[in-house]
Amino acid sequence: MRIAILIVALALLAYDAAGLRKGPSASTSIAASAAPFHPSSTNAPRVDFDSQVKPILQSKCMPCHFSGGKMYESLPFDRPETIRKLGAKLFTRIHDENHRRVINDFLAQEP
Protein backbone atom coordinates (compact mmCIF):
# COMPACT_ATOMS: atom_id res chain seq x y z
CA MET A 1 0.00 0.00 0.00
CA ARG A 2 2.83 2.42 0.88
CA ILE A 3 4.46 1.76 -2.47
CA ALA A 4 1.23 2.59 -4.30
CA ILE A 5 0.89 5.89 -2.40
CA LEU A 6 4.53 6.71 -3.10
CA ILE A 7 4.07 6.03 -6.82
CA VAL A 8 0.93 8.21 -6.95
CA ALA A 9 2.72 11.01 -5.06
CA LEU A 10 5.70 10.88 -7.42
CA ALA A 11 3.41 10.87 -10.43
CA LEU A 12 1.60 13.96 -9.11
CA LEU A 13 4.89 15.73 -8.51
CA ALA A 14 6.10 14.91 -12.01
CA TYR A 15 2.78 16.01 -13.47
CA ASP A 16 2.96 19.30 -11.53
CA ALA A 17 6.62 19.86 -12.45
CA ALA A 18 5.85 19.34 -16.13
CA GLY A 19 3.33 22.18 -15.97
CA LEU A 20 0.41 20.01 -17.03
CA ARG A 21 -1.66 20.73 -13.94
CA LYS A 22 -4.32 23.41 -14.26
CA GLY A 23 -4.27 26.07 -11.55
CA PRO A 24 -1.44 27.19 -9.31
CA SER A 25 0.98 24.72 -7.81
CA ALA A 26 1.82 24.84 -4.13
CA SER A 27 5.09 26.67 -4.78
CA THR A 28 3.40 29.16 -7.11
CA SER A 29 0.58 29.92 -4.72
CA ILE A 30 3.00 30.57 -1.86
CA ALA A 31 5.09 32.88 -4.02
CA ALA A 32 2.00 34.63 -5.36
CA SER A 33 0.61 35.24 -1.90
CA ALA A 34 3.80 36.92 -0.71
CA ALA A 35 3.93 40.64 -1.37
CA PRO A 36 6.88 41.69 -3.54
CA PHE A 37 9.55 43.75 -1.85
CA HIS A 38 10.04 47.19 -3.36
CA PRO A 39 12.59 49.33 -1.55
CA SER A 40 11.23 52.76 -0.82
CA SER A 41 13.31 55.69 -1.95
CA THR A 42 12.23 57.54 1.18
CA ASN A 43 13.93 54.92 3.38
CA ALA A 44 17.20 54.96 1.46
CA PRO A 45 19.82 57.30 2.85
CA ARG A 46 20.49 60.30 0.65
CA VAL A 47 23.75 60.43 -1.24
CA ASP A 48 25.62 63.59 -0.33
CA PHE A 49 27.36 65.22 -3.28
CA ASP A 50 30.22 66.85 -1.35
CA SER A 51 31.17 63.89 0.82
CA GLN A 52 30.35 60.93 -1.45
CA VAL A 53 30.21 61.89 -5.14
CA LYS A 54 32.76 64.70 -5.35
CA PRO A 55 35.67 62.60 -3.98
CA ILE A 56 35.02 59.98 -6.68
CA LEU A 57 35.08 62.66 -9.36
CA GLN A 58 38.21 64.24 -7.90
CA SER A 59 40.02 60.90 -8.07
CA LYS A 60 39.11 60.34 -11.73
CA CYS A 61 38.53 63.76 -13.29
CA MET A 62 41.02 66.09 -11.63
CA PRO A 63 42.61 68.43 -12.63
CA CYS A 64 40.72 69.01 -15.88
CA HIS A 65 37.17 69.34 -14.53
CA PHE A 66 38.00 71.16 -11.30
CA SER A 67 39.00 74.74 -10.57
CA GLY A 68 41.95 75.75 -12.74
CA GLY A 69 41.51 72.84 -15.15
CA LYS A 70 41.10 73.23 -18.91
CA MET A 71 37.55 71.78 -18.90
CA TYR A 72 36.33 73.57 -15.78
CA GLU A 73 34.60 76.43 -17.58
CA SER A 74 32.41 74.18 -19.73
CA LEU A 75 31.98 71.17 -17.36
CA PRO A 76 32.66 72.01 -13.71
CA PHE A 77 32.47 68.70 -11.83
CA ASP A 78 32.44 70.40 -8.43
CA ARG A 79 28.78 71.38 -9.03
CA PRO A 80 25.96 68.87 -8.54
CA GLU A 81 23.89 70.39 -11.34
CA THR A 82 26.63 69.55 -13.86
CA ILE A 83 26.65 65.93 -12.73
CA ARG A 84 22.86 65.68 -12.95
CA LYS A 85 22.98 67.17 -16.44
CA LEU A 86 25.61 64.69 -17.66
CA GLY A 87 24.03 61.64 -16.03
CA ALA A 88 25.43 58.29 -17.20
CA LYS A 89 27.84 59.99 -19.60
CA LEU A 90 30.14 60.27 -16.59
CA PHE A 91 30.80 56.54 -16.73
CA THR A 92 33.22 56.81 -19.63
CA ARG A 93 36.00 57.23 -17.07
CA ILE A 94 34.38 55.73 -13.97
CA HIS A 95 34.47 51.94 -14.18
CA ASP A 96 34.36 50.88 -10.52
CA GLU A 97 30.92 49.37 -9.82
CA ASN A 98 30.74 50.83 -6.30
CA HIS A 99 31.51 54.31 -7.61
CA ARG A 100 28.92 53.90 -10.35
CA ARG A 101 26.32 52.78 -7.80
CA VAL A 102 26.94 55.84 -5.62
CA ILE A 103 26.65 58.17 -8.61
CA ASN A 104 23.54 56.39 -9.92
CA ASP A 105 21.94 56.67 -6.46
CA PHE A 106 22.77 60.38 -6.46
CA LEU A 107 21.26 60.83 -9.92
CA ALA A 108 18.11 58.95 -8.94
CA GLN A 109 17.30 61.09 -5.93
CA GLU A 110 15.38 64.35 -6.02
CA PRO A 111 17.61 67.47 -6.05
C-alpha atoms as a PDB file:
ATOM      1  CA  MET A   1       0.000   0.000   0.000  1.00  0.00           C
ATOM      2  CA  ARG A   2       2.827   2.417   0.878  1.00  0.00           C
ATOM      3  CA  ILE A   3       4.464   1.761  -2.467  1.00  0.00           C
ATOM      4  CA  ALA A   4       1.232   2.594  -4.303  1.00  0.00           C
ATOM      5  CA  ILE A   5       0.887   5.887  -2.400  1.00  0.00           C
ATOM      6  CA  LEU A   6       4.534   6.711  -3.097  1.00  0.00           C
ATOM      7  CA  ILE A   7       4.065   6.034  -6.820  1.00  0.00           C
ATOM      8  CA  VAL A   8       0.934   8.215  -6.948  1.00  0.00           C
ATOM      9  CA  ALA A   9       2.719  11.012  -5.065  1.00  0.00           C
ATOM     10  CA  LEU A  10       5.705  10.881  -7.419  1.00  0.00           C
ATOM     11  CA  ALA A  11       3.411  10.865 -10.432  1.00  0.00           C
ATOM     12  CA  LEU A  12       1.599  13.956  -9.113  1.00  0.00           C
ATOM     13  CA  LEU A  13       4.894  15.729  -8.507  1.00  0.00           C
ATOM     14  CA  ALA A  14       6.104  14.911 -12.010  1.00  0.00           C
ATOM     15  CA  TYR A  15       2.779  16.009 -13.468  1.00  0.00           C
ATOM     16  CA  ASP A  16       2.962  19.301 -11.530  1.00  0.00           C
ATOM     17  CA  ALA A  17       6.623  19.861 -12.454  1.00  0.00           C
ATOM     18  CA  ALA A  18       5.847  19.342 -16.131  1.00  0.00           C
ATOM     19  CA  GLY A  19       3.326  22.178 -15.967  1.00  0.00           C
ATOM     20  CA  LEU A  20       0.409  20.012 -17.027  1.00  0.00           C
ATOM     21  CA  ARG A  21      -1.660  20.727 -13.937  1.00  0.00           C
ATOM     22  CA  LYS A  22      -4.318  23.406 -14.256  1.00  0.00           C
ATOM     23  CA  GLY A  23      -4.267  26.067 -11.547  1.00  0.00           C
ATOM     24  CA  PRO A  24      -1.442  27.185  -9.305  1.00  0.00           C
ATOM     25  CA  SER A  25       0.978  24.719  -7.806  1.00  0.00           C
ATOM     26  CA  ALA A  26       1.822  24.837  -4.135  1.00  0.00           C
ATOM     27  CA  SER A  27       5.088  26.667  -4.778  1.00  0.00           C
ATOM     28  CA  THR A  28       3.401  29.160  -7.110  1.00  0.00           C
ATOM     29  CA  SER A  29       0.580  29.917  -4.716  1.00  0.00           C
ATOM     30  CA  ILE A  30       2.998  30.565  -1.860  1.00  0.00           C
ATOM     31  CA  ALA A  31       5.086  32.882  -4.025  1.00  0.00           C
ATOM     32  CA  ALA A  32       1.997  34.627  -5.365  1.00  0.00           C
ATOM     33  CA  SER A  33       0.615  35.239  -1.904  1.00  0.00           C
ATOM     34  CA  ALA A  34       3.803  36.920  -0.706  1.00  0.00           C
ATOM     35  CA  ALA A  35       3.931  40.640  -1.372  1.00  0.00           C
ATOM     36  CA  PRO A  36       6.876  41.685  -3.542  1.00  0.00           C
ATOM     37  CA  PHE A  37       9.551  43.750  -1.852  1.00  0.00           C
ATOM     38  CA  HIS A  38      10.044  47.187  -3.355  1.00  0.00           C
ATOM     39  CA  PRO A  39      12.585  49.333  -1.546  1.00  0.00           C
ATOM     40  CA  SER A  40      11.227  52.757  -0.820  1.00  0.00           C
ATOM     41  CA  SER A  41      13.312  55.686  -1.946  1.00  0.00           C
ATOM     42  CA  THR A  42      12.235  57.540   1.182  1.00  0.00           C
ATOM     43  CA  ASN A  43      13.932  54.919   3.375  1.00  0.00           C
ATOM     44  CA  ALA A  44      17.199  54.959   1.457  1.00  0.00           C
ATOM     45  CA  PRO A  45      19.824  57.303   2.853  1.00  0.00           C
ATOM     46  CA  ARG A  46      20.492  60.300   0.647  1.00  0.00           C
ATOM     47  CA  VAL A  47      23.755  60.432  -1.245  1.00  0.00           C
ATOM     48  CA  ASP A  48      25.625  63.589  -0.326  1.00  0.00           C
ATOM     49  CA  PHE A  49      27.357  65.224  -3.275  1.00  0.00           C
ATOM     50  CA  ASP A  50      30.221  66.851  -1.355  1.00  0.00           C
ATOM     51  CA  SER A  51      31.171  63.888   0.820  1.00  0.00           C
ATOM     52  CA  GLN A  52      30.353  60.927  -1.453  1.00  0.00           C
ATOM     53  CA  VAL A  53      30.211  61.889  -5.136  1.00  0.00           C
ATOM     54  CA  LYS A  54      32.763  64.699  -5.352  1.00  0.00           C
ATOM     55  CA  PRO A  55      35.674  62.601  -3.982  1.00  0.00           C
ATOM     56  CA  ILE A  56      35.015  59.977  -6.684  1.00  0.00           C
ATOM     57  CA  LEU A  57      35.079  62.656  -9.361  1.00  0.00           C
ATOM     58  CA  GLN A  58      38.214  64.236  -7.897  1.00  0.00           C
ATOM     59  CA  SER A  59      40.020  60.899  -8.071  1.00  0.00           C
ATOM     60  CA  LYS A  60      39.110  60.336 -11.733  1.00  0.00           C
ATOM     61  CA  CYS A  61      38.534  63.761 -13.294  1.00  0.00           C
ATOM     62  CA  MET A  62      41.016  66.088 -11.634  1.00  0.00           C
ATOM     63  CA  PRO A  63      42.609  68.426 -12.632  1.00  0.00           C
ATOM     64  CA  CYS A  64      40.723  69.006 -15.879  1.00  0.00           C
ATOM     65  CA  HIS A  65      37.166  69.339 -14.526  1.00  0.00           C
ATOM     66  CA  PHE A  66      37.995  71.158 -11.298  1.00  0.00           C
ATOM     67  CA  SER A  67      39.002  74.744 -10.573  1.00  0.00           C
ATOM     68  CA  GLY A  68      41.949  75.752 -12.745  1.00  0.00           C
ATOM     69  CA  GLY A  69      41.514  72.843 -15.154  1.00  0.00           C
ATOM     70  CA  LYS A  70      41.098  73.229 -18.905  1.00  0.00           C
ATOM     71  CA  MET A  71      37.554  71.781 -18.904  1.00  0.00           C
ATOM     72  CA  TYR A  72      36.332  73.569 -15.777  1.00  0.00           C
ATOM     73  CA  GLU A  73      34.603  76.434 -17.582  1.00  0.00           C
ATOM     74  CA  SER A  74      32.409  74.175 -19.732  1.00  0.00           C
ATOM     75  CA  LEU A  75      31.980  71.175 -17.358  1.00  0.00           C
ATOM     76  CA  PRO A  76      32.656  72.012 -13.706  1.00  0.00           C
ATOM     77  CA  PHE A  77      32.466  68.702 -11.830  1.00  0.00           C
ATOM     78  CA  ASP A  78      32.436  70.396  -8.432  1.00  0.00           C
ATOM     79  CA  ARG A  79      28.785  71.384  -9.031  1.00  0.00           C
ATOM     80  CA  PRO A  80      25.960  68.866  -8.545  1.00  0.00           C
ATOM     81  CA  GLU A  81      23.887  70.385 -11.343  1.00  0.00           C
ATOM     82  CA  THR A  82      26.627  69.555 -13.862  1.00  0.00           C
ATOM     83  CA  ILE A  83      26.650  65.928 -12.728  1.00  0.00           C
ATOM     84  CA  ARG A  84      22.861  65.678 -12.946  1.00  0.00           C
ATOM     85  CA  LYS A  85      22.978  67.172 -16.439  1.00  0.00           C
ATOM     86  CA  LEU A  86      25.606  64.688 -17.657  1.00  0.00           C
ATOM     87  CA  GLY A  87      24.034  61.641 -16.031  1.00  0.00           C
ATOM     88  CA  ALA A  88      25.431  58.286 -17.201  1.00  0.00           C
ATOM     89  CA  LYS A  89      27.836  59.991 -19.605  1.00  0.00           C
ATOM     90  CA  LEU A  90      30.141  60.268 -16.594  1.00  0.00           C
ATOM     91  CA  PHE A  91      30.799  56.545 -16.735  1.00  0.00           C
ATOM     92  CA  THR A  92      33.221  56.814 -19.630  1.00  0.00           C
ATOM     93  CA  ARG A  93      35.998  57.234 -17.069  1.00  0.00           C
ATOM     94  CA  ILE A  94      34.383  55.731 -13.969  1.00  0.00           C
ATOM     95  CA  HIS A  95      34.471  51.945 -14.177  1.00  0.00           C
ATOM     96  CA  ASP A  96      34.358  50.884 -10.523  1.00  0.00           C
ATOM     97  CA  GLU A  97      30.921  49.370  -9.824  1.00  0.00           C
ATOM     98  CA  ASN A  98      30.740  50.831  -6.297  1.00  0.00           C
ATOM     99  CA  HIS A  99      31.513  54.306  -7.608  1.00  0.00           C
ATOM    100  CA  ARG A 100      28.916  53.897 -10.346  1.00  0.00           C
ATOM    101  CA  ARG A 101      26.323  52.776  -7.795  1.00  0.00           C
ATOM    102  CA  VAL A 102      26.936  55.839  -5.616  1.00  0.00           C
ATOM    103  CA  ILE A 103      26.646  58.170  -8.613  1.00  0.00           C
ATOM    104  CA  ASN A 104      23.537  56.390  -9.918  1.00  0.00           C
ATOM    105  CA  ASP A 105      21.944  56.674  -6.463  1.00  0.00           C
ATOM    106  CA  PHE A 106      22.768  60.382  -6.460  1.00  0.00           C
ATOM    107  CA  LEU A 107      21.265  60.832  -9.924  1.00  0.00           C
ATOM    108  CA  ALA A 108      18.113  58.946  -8.944  1.00  0.00           C
ATOM    109  CA  GLN A 109      17.296  61.087  -5.935  1.00  0.00           C
ATOM    110  CA  GLU A 110      15.379  64.352  -6.015  1.00  0.00           C
ATOM    111  CA  PRO A 111      17.609  67.468  -6.049  1.00  0.00           C
END
